[in-house]
Amino acid sequence: MMFQYSLIKKMWGPAIIIAGLFLVGCDDDPAPQKQPEAPAALRRDKPVSELPWLQVKDKVDPADWLASREDEESAPEARKDAARDIRRTLVEADGRFYEGQRMIANRAVQVEAMLRENGIKESARSVIEALSGIAQPGEHAGFGETCQHYVTSRVQGLSRPDALALLKRKGLPAPVESDER
C-alpha cells in the first residue's frame, strides 16, 4: 500500500505542473499592466511655463523653466538666450545659498507671486540676482529664509534698494535644517 501511495504522489507533482503551464499558456486576454504616470513635464500635457513649481521628478532645467515663464511669446532663440543668462545666475546663487538650483527657482517664483499679490512687480530672475548680489561667496545662507526677510521688508514698504541694504547690514539668515538640496 505504501508503494502505491508514493507512486501516485510522484506522478501528481509533474501532472499539476504541466496542467498549470497549459492553463497559463491558454490565457487569451491578459490584464493590461498599468504604466507609472510620467511627470507633467515629460507628458507635455501642459507647457513647461504652466508648471506651478518644479518637483524632484520633473526633468526640466530650472533655467529653462524660469525663462519660459518670463515671456511665453518670445522667439525660441530669445528664450535660449534668457535661459543661458538665468543658468549663470542660478550657478552663482547655488554657490551662495544652501538650497540647490531647483529649490532656488521655486522659491523665487513664490516670492514673485507674493510680491505681485501686494502690488509689487519683480520677476523671479531679478529676485535671484538681487539676493545673490548681497550674499558673500561661500556664505551658504538660507535662500528661503532670505526670501522671507526680503518679502517682509518689501511688503512693509521698503524700496528694493532699502530692503537689500537692510539684509546686507543684518547679514543673511542661516539655512533651516533640510534634507533637500
N, C-alpha and C. Protein backbone atom coordinates (compact mmCIF):
# COMPACT_ATOMS: atom_id res chain seq x y z
N MET A 1 0.82 -1.19 0.00
CA MET A 1 0.00 0.00 0.00
C MET A 1 0.87 1.26 0.00
N MET A 2 1.91 1.24 0.79
CA MET A 2 2.79 2.38 0.86
C MET A 2 3.43 2.64 -0.50
N PHE A 3 3.73 1.63 -1.25
CA PHE A 3 4.35 1.76 -2.55
C PHE A 3 3.42 2.46 -3.51
N GLN A 4 2.12 2.13 -3.47
CA GLN A 4 1.15 2.76 -4.36
C GLN A 4 1.02 4.25 -4.05
N TYR A 5 0.99 4.60 -2.77
CA TYR A 5 0.85 6.00 -2.36
C TYR A 5 2.02 6.84 -2.85
N SER A 6 3.25 6.34 -2.72
CA SER A 6 4.41 7.11 -3.15
C SER A 6 4.47 7.23 -4.67
N LEU A 7 4.00 6.20 -5.41
CA LEU A 7 3.96 6.28 -6.86
C LEU A 7 2.96 7.33 -7.32
N ILE A 8 1.78 7.37 -6.69
CA ILE A 8 0.75 8.36 -7.03
C ILE A 8 1.27 9.76 -6.70
N LYS A 9 1.91 9.89 -5.57
CA LYS A 9 2.47 11.18 -5.15
C LYS A 9 3.50 11.68 -6.16
N LYS A 10 4.36 10.77 -6.65
CA LYS A 10 5.38 11.14 -7.62
C LYS A 10 4.75 11.56 -8.95
N MET A 11 3.65 10.97 -9.33
CA MET A 11 3.02 11.26 -10.61
C MET A 11 2.21 12.55 -10.57
N TRP A 12 1.59 12.87 -9.43
CA TRP A 12 0.75 14.07 -9.32
C TRP A 12 1.55 15.36 -9.42
N GLY A 13 2.75 15.41 -8.89
CA GLY A 13 3.58 16.62 -8.93
C GLY A 13 3.79 17.11 -10.34
N PRO A 14 4.36 16.27 -11.25
CA PRO A 14 4.56 16.71 -12.63
C PRO A 14 3.24 17.00 -13.35
N ALA A 15 2.20 16.22 -13.05
CA ALA A 15 0.91 16.43 -13.72
C ALA A 15 0.33 17.80 -13.36
N ILE A 16 0.45 18.20 -12.13
CA ILE A 16 -0.05 19.52 -11.70
C ILE A 16 0.76 20.63 -12.37
N ILE A 17 2.07 20.47 -12.45
CA ILE A 17 2.91 21.49 -13.09
C ILE A 17 2.55 21.61 -14.57
N ILE A 18 2.37 20.50 -15.28
CA ILE A 18 2.04 20.54 -16.71
C ILE A 18 0.67 21.18 -16.89
N ALA A 19 -0.31 20.83 -16.05
CA ALA A 19 -1.64 21.43 -16.16
C ALA A 19 -1.58 22.93 -15.91
N GLY A 20 -0.79 23.35 -14.95
CA GLY A 20 -0.64 24.78 -14.66
C GLY A 20 -0.02 25.53 -15.83
N LEU A 21 0.99 24.96 -16.45
CA LEU A 21 1.61 25.58 -17.62
C LEU A 21 0.63 25.67 -18.78
N PHE A 22 -0.16 24.64 -18.96
CA PHE A 22 -1.15 24.62 -20.03
C PHE A 22 -2.18 25.73 -19.82
N LEU A 23 -2.65 25.88 -18.58
CA LEU A 23 -3.65 26.92 -18.28
C LEU A 23 -3.08 28.32 -18.45
N VAL A 24 -1.85 28.52 -18.05
CA VAL A 24 -1.22 29.83 -18.21
C VAL A 24 -1.05 30.15 -19.69
N GLY A 25 -0.68 29.18 -20.49
CA GLY A 25 -0.49 29.38 -21.92
C GLY A 25 -1.79 29.64 -22.66
N CYS A 26 -2.94 29.29 -22.10
CA CYS A 26 -4.23 29.46 -22.76
C CYS A 26 -4.87 30.80 -22.47
N ASP A 27 -4.27 31.62 -21.66
CA ASP A 27 -4.86 32.91 -21.30
C ASP A 27 -4.83 33.84 -22.49
N ASP A 28 -6.04 34.11 -23.12
CA ASP A 28 -6.05 34.95 -24.32
C ASP A 28 -5.97 36.42 -24.01
N ASP A 29 -6.53 36.85 -22.91
CA ASP A 29 -6.67 38.28 -22.66
C ASP A 29 -5.99 38.64 -21.35
N PRO A 30 -4.68 38.84 -21.38
CA PRO A 30 -4.01 39.19 -20.12
C PRO A 30 -4.46 40.57 -19.64
N ALA A 31 -4.48 40.72 -18.34
CA ALA A 31 -4.86 42.02 -17.76
C ALA A 31 -3.80 43.05 -18.15
N PRO A 32 -4.23 44.22 -18.63
CA PRO A 32 -3.24 45.23 -19.03
C PRO A 32 -2.46 45.73 -17.82
N GLN A 33 -1.16 45.90 -18.02
CA GLN A 33 -0.31 46.42 -16.96
C GLN A 33 -0.43 47.93 -16.92
N LYS A 34 -0.64 48.49 -15.75
CA LYS A 34 -0.74 49.94 -15.63
C LYS A 34 0.67 50.52 -15.61
N GLN A 35 0.94 51.44 -16.53
CA GLN A 35 2.24 52.09 -16.61
C GLN A 35 2.30 53.20 -15.57
N PRO A 36 3.46 53.38 -14.94
CA PRO A 36 3.56 54.50 -14.00
C PRO A 36 3.38 55.82 -14.74
N GLU A 37 2.73 56.75 -14.07
CA GLU A 37 2.46 58.04 -14.70
C GLU A 37 3.73 58.87 -14.78
N ALA A 38 3.97 59.43 -15.95
CA ALA A 38 5.15 60.28 -16.15
C ALA A 38 4.89 61.65 -15.53
N PRO A 39 5.93 62.34 -15.09
CA PRO A 39 5.74 63.70 -14.57
C PRO A 39 5.12 64.60 -15.65
N ALA A 40 4.40 65.60 -15.22
CA ALA A 40 3.73 66.51 -16.15
C ALA A 40 4.71 67.09 -17.16
N ALA A 41 5.92 67.37 -16.73
CA ALA A 41 6.90 67.97 -17.63
C ALA A 41 7.28 67.02 -18.76
N LEU A 42 7.19 65.71 -18.50
CA LEU A 42 7.52 64.75 -19.55
C LEU A 42 6.30 64.41 -20.39
N ARG A 43 5.11 64.47 -19.82
CA ARG A 43 3.89 64.18 -20.56
C ARG A 43 3.59 65.28 -21.55
N ARG A 44 4.02 66.47 -21.25
CA ARG A 44 3.77 67.63 -22.10
C ARG A 44 2.28 67.87 -22.30
N ASP A 45 1.47 67.49 -21.28
CA ASP A 45 0.05 67.79 -21.38
C ASP A 45 -0.20 69.26 -21.08
N LYS A 46 0.81 69.93 -20.61
CA LYS A 46 0.76 71.38 -20.44
C LYS A 46 2.14 71.93 -20.69
N PRO A 47 2.22 73.18 -21.14
CA PRO A 47 3.54 73.77 -21.39
C PRO A 47 4.35 73.86 -20.10
N VAL A 48 5.66 73.79 -20.24
CA VAL A 48 6.56 73.87 -19.09
C VAL A 48 6.30 75.15 -18.30
N SER A 49 5.98 76.23 -19.01
CA SER A 49 5.76 77.51 -18.34
C SER A 49 4.57 77.48 -17.39
N GLU A 50 3.66 76.52 -17.57
CA GLU A 50 2.47 76.44 -16.71
C GLU A 50 2.67 75.56 -15.49
N LEU A 51 3.84 74.94 -15.36
CA LEU A 51 4.11 74.17 -14.15
C LEU A 51 4.17 75.15 -12.98
N PRO A 52 3.41 74.92 -11.92
CA PRO A 52 3.42 75.87 -10.80
C PRO A 52 4.75 75.89 -10.06
N TRP A 53 5.45 74.77 -10.03
CA TRP A 53 6.77 74.67 -9.43
C TRP A 53 7.43 73.43 -10.00
N LEU A 54 8.71 73.30 -9.76
CA LEU A 54 9.44 72.12 -10.23
C LEU A 54 9.55 71.11 -9.11
N GLN A 55 9.12 69.91 -9.40
CA GLN A 55 9.25 68.82 -8.46
C GLN A 55 10.53 68.06 -8.76
N VAL A 56 10.97 67.26 -7.81
CA VAL A 56 12.19 66.48 -7.99
C VAL A 56 12.06 65.59 -9.22
N LYS A 57 10.88 65.02 -9.44
CA LYS A 57 10.70 64.08 -10.55
C LYS A 57 10.58 64.77 -11.91
N ASP A 58 10.37 66.07 -11.94
CA ASP A 58 10.29 66.78 -13.22
C ASP A 58 11.68 66.87 -13.84
N LYS A 59 11.75 66.51 -15.08
CA LYS A 59 13.03 66.54 -15.79
C LYS A 59 13.11 67.83 -16.61
N VAL A 60 13.04 68.95 -15.91
CA VAL A 60 13.08 70.26 -16.55
C VAL A 60 14.21 71.06 -15.91
N ASP A 61 15.03 71.66 -16.73
CA ASP A 61 16.10 72.51 -16.23
C ASP A 61 15.49 73.76 -15.60
N PRO A 62 15.86 74.09 -14.37
CA PRO A 62 15.28 75.27 -13.72
C PRO A 62 15.43 76.55 -14.54
N ALA A 63 16.55 76.71 -15.22
CA ALA A 63 16.76 77.91 -16.04
C ALA A 63 15.78 77.95 -17.21
N ASP A 64 15.56 76.81 -17.85
CA ASP A 64 14.59 76.75 -18.96
C ASP A 64 13.18 77.06 -18.45
N TRP A 65 12.85 76.55 -17.27
CA TRP A 65 11.52 76.79 -16.69
C TRP A 65 11.32 78.28 -16.40
N LEU A 66 12.31 78.89 -15.75
CA LEU A 66 12.19 80.32 -15.44
C LEU A 66 12.12 81.16 -16.72
N ALA A 67 12.93 80.81 -17.72
CA ALA A 67 12.91 81.56 -18.99
C ALA A 67 11.55 81.42 -19.67
N SER A 68 10.95 80.24 -19.61
CA SER A 68 9.65 80.04 -20.25
C SER A 68 8.55 80.84 -19.56
N ARG A 69 8.73 81.08 -18.27
CA ARG A 69 7.73 81.84 -17.51
C ARG A 69 7.84 83.34 -17.76
N GLU A 70 9.02 83.80 -18.13
CA GLU A 70 9.23 85.24 -18.31
C GLU A 70 8.47 85.79 -19.50
N ASP A 71 8.54 85.11 -20.62
CA ASP A 71 7.88 85.61 -21.82
C ASP A 71 7.53 84.44 -22.72
N GLU A 72 6.31 83.97 -22.58
CA GLU A 72 5.87 82.80 -23.34
C GLU A 72 5.80 83.08 -24.84
N GLU A 73 5.68 84.34 -25.21
CA GLU A 73 5.53 84.70 -26.61
C GLU A 73 6.86 84.93 -27.32
N SER A 74 7.96 84.91 -26.59
CA SER A 74 9.25 85.24 -27.20
C SER A 74 9.69 84.13 -28.17
N ALA A 75 10.55 84.51 -29.08
CA ALA A 75 11.08 83.57 -30.06
C ALA A 75 11.95 82.53 -29.35
N PRO A 76 12.03 81.33 -29.91
CA PRO A 76 12.84 80.29 -29.27
C PRO A 76 14.29 80.71 -29.03
N GLU A 77 14.87 81.47 -29.95
CA GLU A 77 16.26 81.91 -29.78
C GLU A 77 16.39 82.87 -28.59
N ALA A 78 15.42 83.77 -28.45
CA ALA A 78 15.44 84.71 -27.31
C ALA A 78 15.27 83.95 -26.00
N ARG A 79 14.45 82.92 -26.02
CA ARG A 79 14.24 82.12 -24.81
C ARG A 79 15.51 81.35 -24.45
N LYS A 80 16.23 80.87 -25.44
CA LYS A 80 17.50 80.18 -25.19
C LYS A 80 18.51 81.13 -24.56
N ASP A 81 18.56 82.37 -25.07
CA ASP A 81 19.47 83.37 -24.51
C ASP A 81 19.10 83.68 -23.06
N ALA A 82 17.80 83.82 -22.80
CA ALA A 82 17.34 84.10 -21.43
C ALA A 82 17.69 82.94 -20.51
N ALA A 83 17.48 81.71 -20.98
CA ALA A 83 17.80 80.54 -20.17
C ALA A 83 19.29 80.47 -19.86
N ARG A 84 20.11 80.83 -20.83
CA ARG A 84 21.57 80.82 -20.62
C ARG A 84 21.94 81.84 -19.53
N ASP A 85 21.35 83.03 -19.59
CA ASP A 85 21.63 84.05 -18.58
C ASP A 85 21.13 83.61 -17.20
N ILE A 86 19.95 83.05 -17.17
CA ILE A 86 19.38 82.58 -15.89
C ILE A 86 20.22 81.44 -15.33
N ARG A 87 20.70 80.57 -16.19
CA ARG A 87 21.55 79.46 -15.74
C ARG A 87 22.78 79.99 -15.02
N ARG A 88 23.40 81.03 -15.56
CA ARG A 88 24.58 81.64 -14.90
C ARG A 88 24.18 82.20 -13.53
N THR A 89 23.02 82.85 -13.48
CA THR A 89 22.52 83.41 -12.22
C THR A 89 22.28 82.30 -11.20
N LEU A 90 21.70 81.20 -11.64
CA LEU A 90 21.43 80.08 -10.74
C LEU A 90 22.71 79.42 -10.25
N VAL A 91 23.71 79.34 -11.10
CA VAL A 91 25.00 78.77 -10.67
C VAL A 91 25.62 79.66 -9.59
N GLU A 92 25.54 80.97 -9.80
CA GLU A 92 26.06 81.89 -8.79
C GLU A 92 25.28 81.75 -7.48
N ALA A 93 23.97 81.70 -7.58
CA ALA A 93 23.13 81.56 -6.38
C ALA A 93 23.39 80.24 -5.68
N ASP A 94 23.60 79.19 -6.46
CA ASP A 94 23.88 77.87 -5.90
C ASP A 94 25.16 77.88 -5.07
N GLY A 95 26.11 78.72 -5.45
CA GLY A 95 27.36 78.82 -4.70
C GLY A 95 27.24 79.69 -3.46
N ARG A 96 26.15 80.42 -3.34
CA ARG A 96 26.00 81.34 -2.21
C ARG A 96 24.89 80.96 -1.24
N PHE A 97 24.06 80.05 -1.65
CA PHE A 97 22.95 79.63 -0.80
C PHE A 97 22.99 78.12 -0.61
N TYR A 98 22.37 77.70 0.46
CA TYR A 98 22.35 76.28 0.80
C TYR A 98 21.51 75.46 -0.18
N GLU A 99 20.38 75.98 -0.60
CA GLU A 99 19.49 75.24 -1.47
C GLU A 99 20.09 75.06 -2.86
N GLY A 100 19.62 74.05 -3.57
CA GLY A 100 20.06 73.81 -4.94
C GLY A 100 19.28 74.67 -5.93
N GLN A 101 19.64 74.58 -7.19
CA GLN A 101 19.06 75.43 -8.22
C GLN A 101 17.55 75.26 -8.37
N ARG A 102 17.06 74.03 -8.30
CA ARG A 102 15.62 73.80 -8.43
C ARG A 102 14.85 74.49 -7.31
N MET A 103 15.35 74.37 -6.09
CA MET A 103 14.67 74.99 -4.95
C MET A 103 14.78 76.51 -5.00
N ILE A 104 15.91 77.02 -5.45
CA ILE A 104 16.07 78.46 -5.58
C ILE A 104 15.07 79.00 -6.60
N ALA A 105 14.94 78.31 -7.72
CA ALA A 105 13.96 78.72 -8.75
C ALA A 105 12.55 78.69 -8.19
N ASN A 106 12.20 77.61 -7.49
CA ASN A 106 10.85 77.51 -6.90
C ASN A 106 10.58 78.64 -5.91
N ARG A 107 11.54 78.90 -5.02
CA ARG A 107 11.36 79.96 -4.02
C ARG A 107 11.22 81.33 -4.69
N ALA A 108 12.02 81.57 -5.71
CA ALA A 108 11.97 82.87 -6.40
C ALA A 108 10.61 83.07 -7.07
N VAL A 109 10.03 82.02 -7.61
CA VAL A 109 8.70 82.12 -8.22
C VAL A 109 7.66 82.39 -7.14
N GLN A 110 7.82 81.78 -5.97
CA GLN A 110 6.91 82.07 -4.86
C GLN A 110 7.03 83.53 -4.43
N VAL A 111 8.25 84.04 -4.36
CA VAL A 111 8.46 85.44 -3.98
C VAL A 111 7.80 86.35 -5.01
N GLU A 112 8.00 86.05 -6.28
CA GLU A 112 7.39 86.84 -7.35
C GLU A 112 5.87 86.91 -7.16
N ALA A 113 5.25 85.78 -6.84
CA ALA A 113 3.80 85.74 -6.64
C ALA A 113 3.38 86.51 -5.38
N MET A 114 4.12 86.35 -4.29
CA MET A 114 3.78 87.06 -3.05
C MET A 114 3.90 88.57 -3.22
N LEU A 115 4.95 89.00 -3.90
CA LEU A 115 5.12 90.43 -4.13
C LEU A 115 4.01 90.96 -5.04
N ARG A 116 3.68 90.19 -6.08
CA ARG A 116 2.63 90.62 -7.01
C ARG A 116 1.29 90.77 -6.28
N GLU A 117 1.00 89.86 -5.34
CA GLU A 117 -0.23 89.96 -4.53
C GLU A 117 -0.27 91.25 -3.72
N ASN A 118 0.88 91.83 -3.47
CA ASN A 118 0.97 93.08 -2.70
C ASN A 118 1.27 94.28 -3.59
N GLY A 119 1.05 94.12 -4.89
CA GLY A 119 1.21 95.24 -5.82
C GLY A 119 2.65 95.56 -6.19
N ILE A 120 3.57 94.65 -5.95
CA ILE A 120 4.98 94.87 -6.25
C ILE A 120 5.37 93.93 -7.39
N LYS A 121 5.89 94.51 -8.45
CA LYS A 121 6.24 93.69 -9.61
C LYS A 121 7.75 93.47 -9.67
N GLU A 122 8.16 92.22 -9.45
CA GLU A 122 9.56 91.80 -9.59
C GLU A 122 9.55 90.40 -10.15
N SER A 123 10.42 90.16 -11.10
CA SER A 123 10.50 88.82 -11.68
C SER A 123 11.30 87.89 -10.78
N ALA A 124 11.07 86.60 -10.95
CA ALA A 124 11.83 85.61 -10.19
C ALA A 124 13.32 85.75 -10.45
N ARG A 125 13.68 86.01 -11.71
CA ARG A 125 15.09 86.17 -12.05
C ARG A 125 15.70 87.36 -11.32
N SER A 126 14.99 88.49 -11.26
CA SER A 126 15.54 89.67 -10.59
C SER A 126 15.69 89.43 -9.09
N VAL A 127 14.80 88.64 -8.51
CA VAL A 127 14.90 88.30 -7.09
C VAL A 127 16.17 87.49 -6.84
N ILE A 128 16.41 86.49 -7.69
CA ILE A 128 17.61 85.65 -7.52
C ILE A 128 18.87 86.50 -7.69
N GLU A 129 18.87 87.35 -8.72
CA GLU A 129 20.04 88.21 -8.96
C GLU A 129 20.30 89.14 -7.78
N ALA A 130 19.24 89.75 -7.28
CA ALA A 130 19.39 90.72 -6.19
C ALA A 130 19.89 90.05 -4.91
N LEU A 131 19.29 88.92 -4.55
CA LEU A 131 19.68 88.26 -3.30
C LEU A 131 21.06 87.62 -3.43
N SER A 132 21.40 87.15 -4.62
CA SER A 132 22.75 86.60 -4.83
C SER A 132 23.80 87.71 -4.76
N GLY A 133 23.40 88.91 -5.16
CA GLY A 133 24.31 90.04 -5.16
C GLY A 133 24.71 90.51 -3.77
N ILE A 134 23.89 90.22 -2.77
CA ILE A 134 24.25 90.66 -1.42
C ILE A 134 24.86 89.54 -0.59
N ALA A 135 24.75 88.30 -1.08
CA ALA A 135 25.36 87.18 -0.36
C ALA A 135 26.85 87.13 -0.69
N GLN A 136 27.64 86.78 0.28
CA GLN A 136 29.08 86.66 0.05
C GLN A 136 29.37 85.27 -0.53
N PRO A 137 30.33 85.18 -1.45
CA PRO A 137 30.67 83.87 -2.00
C PRO A 137 31.03 82.90 -0.87
N GLY A 138 30.47 81.71 -0.95
CA GLY A 138 30.74 80.69 0.06
C GLY A 138 29.98 80.87 1.35
N GLU A 139 29.13 81.90 1.44
CA GLU A 139 28.42 82.17 2.68
C GLU A 139 27.42 81.07 3.03
N HIS A 140 26.78 80.52 2.05
CA HIS A 140 25.77 79.46 2.21
C HIS A 140 24.68 79.83 3.20
N ALA A 141 24.05 80.92 2.93
CA ALA A 141 22.88 81.33 3.71
C ALA A 141 21.68 80.54 3.23
N GLY A 142 20.58 80.68 3.92
CA GLY A 142 19.35 80.02 3.50
C GLY A 142 18.60 80.91 2.52
N PHE A 143 18.38 80.43 1.30
CA PHE A 143 17.69 81.25 0.30
C PHE A 143 16.23 81.46 0.71
N GLY A 144 15.57 80.41 1.18
CA GLY A 144 14.18 80.53 1.61
C GLY A 144 14.03 81.54 2.74
N GLU A 145 14.91 81.47 3.70
CA GLU A 145 14.85 82.40 4.83
C GLU A 145 15.17 83.83 4.38
N THR A 146 16.13 83.96 3.48
CA THR A 146 16.47 85.28 2.95
C THR A 146 15.27 85.87 2.20
N CYS A 147 14.59 85.02 1.43
CA CYS A 147 13.39 85.45 0.70
C CYS A 147 12.30 85.94 1.66
N GLN A 148 12.12 85.23 2.76
CA GLN A 148 11.10 85.64 3.75
C GLN A 148 11.40 87.03 4.28
N HIS A 149 12.65 87.27 4.64
CA HIS A 149 13.03 88.60 5.14
C HIS A 149 12.84 89.66 4.07
N TYR A 150 13.20 89.33 2.84
CA TYR A 150 13.08 90.28 1.73
C TYR A 150 11.60 90.63 1.48
N VAL A 151 10.75 89.62 1.41
CA VAL A 151 9.32 89.87 1.17
C VAL A 151 8.73 90.70 2.31
N THR A 152 9.06 90.35 3.53
CA THR A 152 8.54 91.10 4.68
C THR A 152 8.94 92.58 4.57
N SER A 153 10.19 92.84 4.26
CA SER A 153 10.66 94.22 4.13
C SER A 153 9.94 94.97 3.02
N ARG A 154 9.77 94.29 1.89
CA ARG A 154 9.12 94.93 0.74
C ARG A 154 7.64 95.20 1.02
N VAL A 155 6.96 94.25 1.63
CA VAL A 155 5.53 94.42 1.94
C VAL A 155 5.33 95.51 2.99
N GLN A 156 6.30 95.68 3.88
CA GLN A 156 6.22 96.74 4.89
C GLN A 156 6.52 98.11 4.32
N GLY A 157 6.86 98.17 3.02
CA GLY A 157 7.01 99.46 2.37
C GLY A 157 8.42 99.86 1.98
N LEU A 158 9.42 99.04 2.32
CA LEU A 158 10.78 99.40 1.92
C LEU A 158 10.95 99.24 0.41
N SER A 159 11.73 100.14 -0.16
CA SER A 159 12.04 100.03 -1.58
C SER A 159 12.98 98.83 -1.77
N ARG A 160 13.12 98.43 -3.00
CA ARG A 160 14.03 97.31 -3.30
C ARG A 160 15.45 97.58 -2.80
N PRO A 161 16.05 98.74 -3.14
CA PRO A 161 17.41 99.01 -2.64
C PRO A 161 17.49 99.04 -1.12
N ASP A 162 16.47 99.62 -0.47
CA ASP A 162 16.49 99.68 1.00
C ASP A 162 16.35 98.29 1.63
N ALA A 163 15.48 97.45 1.06
CA ALA A 163 15.31 96.09 1.58
C ALA A 163 16.59 95.28 1.43
N LEU A 164 17.25 95.43 0.29
CA LEU A 164 18.52 94.72 0.07
C LEU A 164 19.62 95.24 1.00
N ALA A 165 19.66 96.56 1.19
CA ALA A 165 20.66 97.15 2.10
C ALA A 165 20.44 96.66 3.53
N LEU A 166 19.19 96.57 3.94
CA LEU A 166 18.88 96.08 5.29
C LEU A 166 19.34 94.63 5.45
N LEU A 167 19.07 93.81 4.47
CA LEU A 167 19.52 92.41 4.53
C LEU A 167 21.05 92.32 4.57
N LYS A 168 21.68 93.16 3.81
CA LYS A 168 23.15 93.14 3.78
C LYS A 168 23.73 93.58 5.12
N ARG A 169 23.13 94.61 5.71
CA ARG A 169 23.59 95.11 7.02
C ARG A 169 23.39 94.06 8.10
N LYS A 170 22.22 93.43 8.13
CA LYS A 170 21.91 92.44 9.16
C LYS A 170 22.66 91.14 8.96
N GLY A 171 23.03 90.86 7.74
CA GLY A 171 23.62 89.55 7.42
C GLY A 171 22.51 88.59 7.04
N LEU A 172 22.82 87.73 6.14
CA LEU A 172 21.79 86.80 5.66
C LEU A 172 21.55 85.70 6.67
N PRO A 173 20.31 85.25 6.76
CA PRO A 173 19.97 84.21 7.74
C PRO A 173 20.56 82.86 7.36
N ALA A 174 20.92 82.11 8.37
CA ALA A 174 21.42 80.75 8.14
C ALA A 174 20.27 79.86 7.68
N PRO A 175 20.59 78.81 6.96
CA PRO A 175 19.53 77.91 6.48
C PRO A 175 18.91 77.12 7.62
N VAL A 176 17.63 76.85 7.47
CA VAL A 176 16.94 75.95 8.38
C VAL A 176 17.31 74.54 7.93
N GLU A 177 17.51 73.63 8.86
CA GLU A 177 17.91 72.29 8.51
C GLU A 177 16.90 71.67 7.55
N SER A 178 17.41 71.11 6.47
CA SER A 178 16.58 70.44 5.47
C SER A 178 17.40 69.36 4.81
N ASP A 179 16.74 68.28 4.41
CA ASP A 179 17.46 67.22 3.74
C ASP A 179 17.37 67.35 2.23
N GLU A 180 16.69 68.37 1.73
CA GLU A 180 16.56 68.55 0.29
C GLU A 180 17.50 69.62 -0.19
N ARG A 181 18.23 69.33 -1.20
CA ARG A 181 19.14 70.31 -1.81
C ARG A 181 18.75 70.48 -3.21
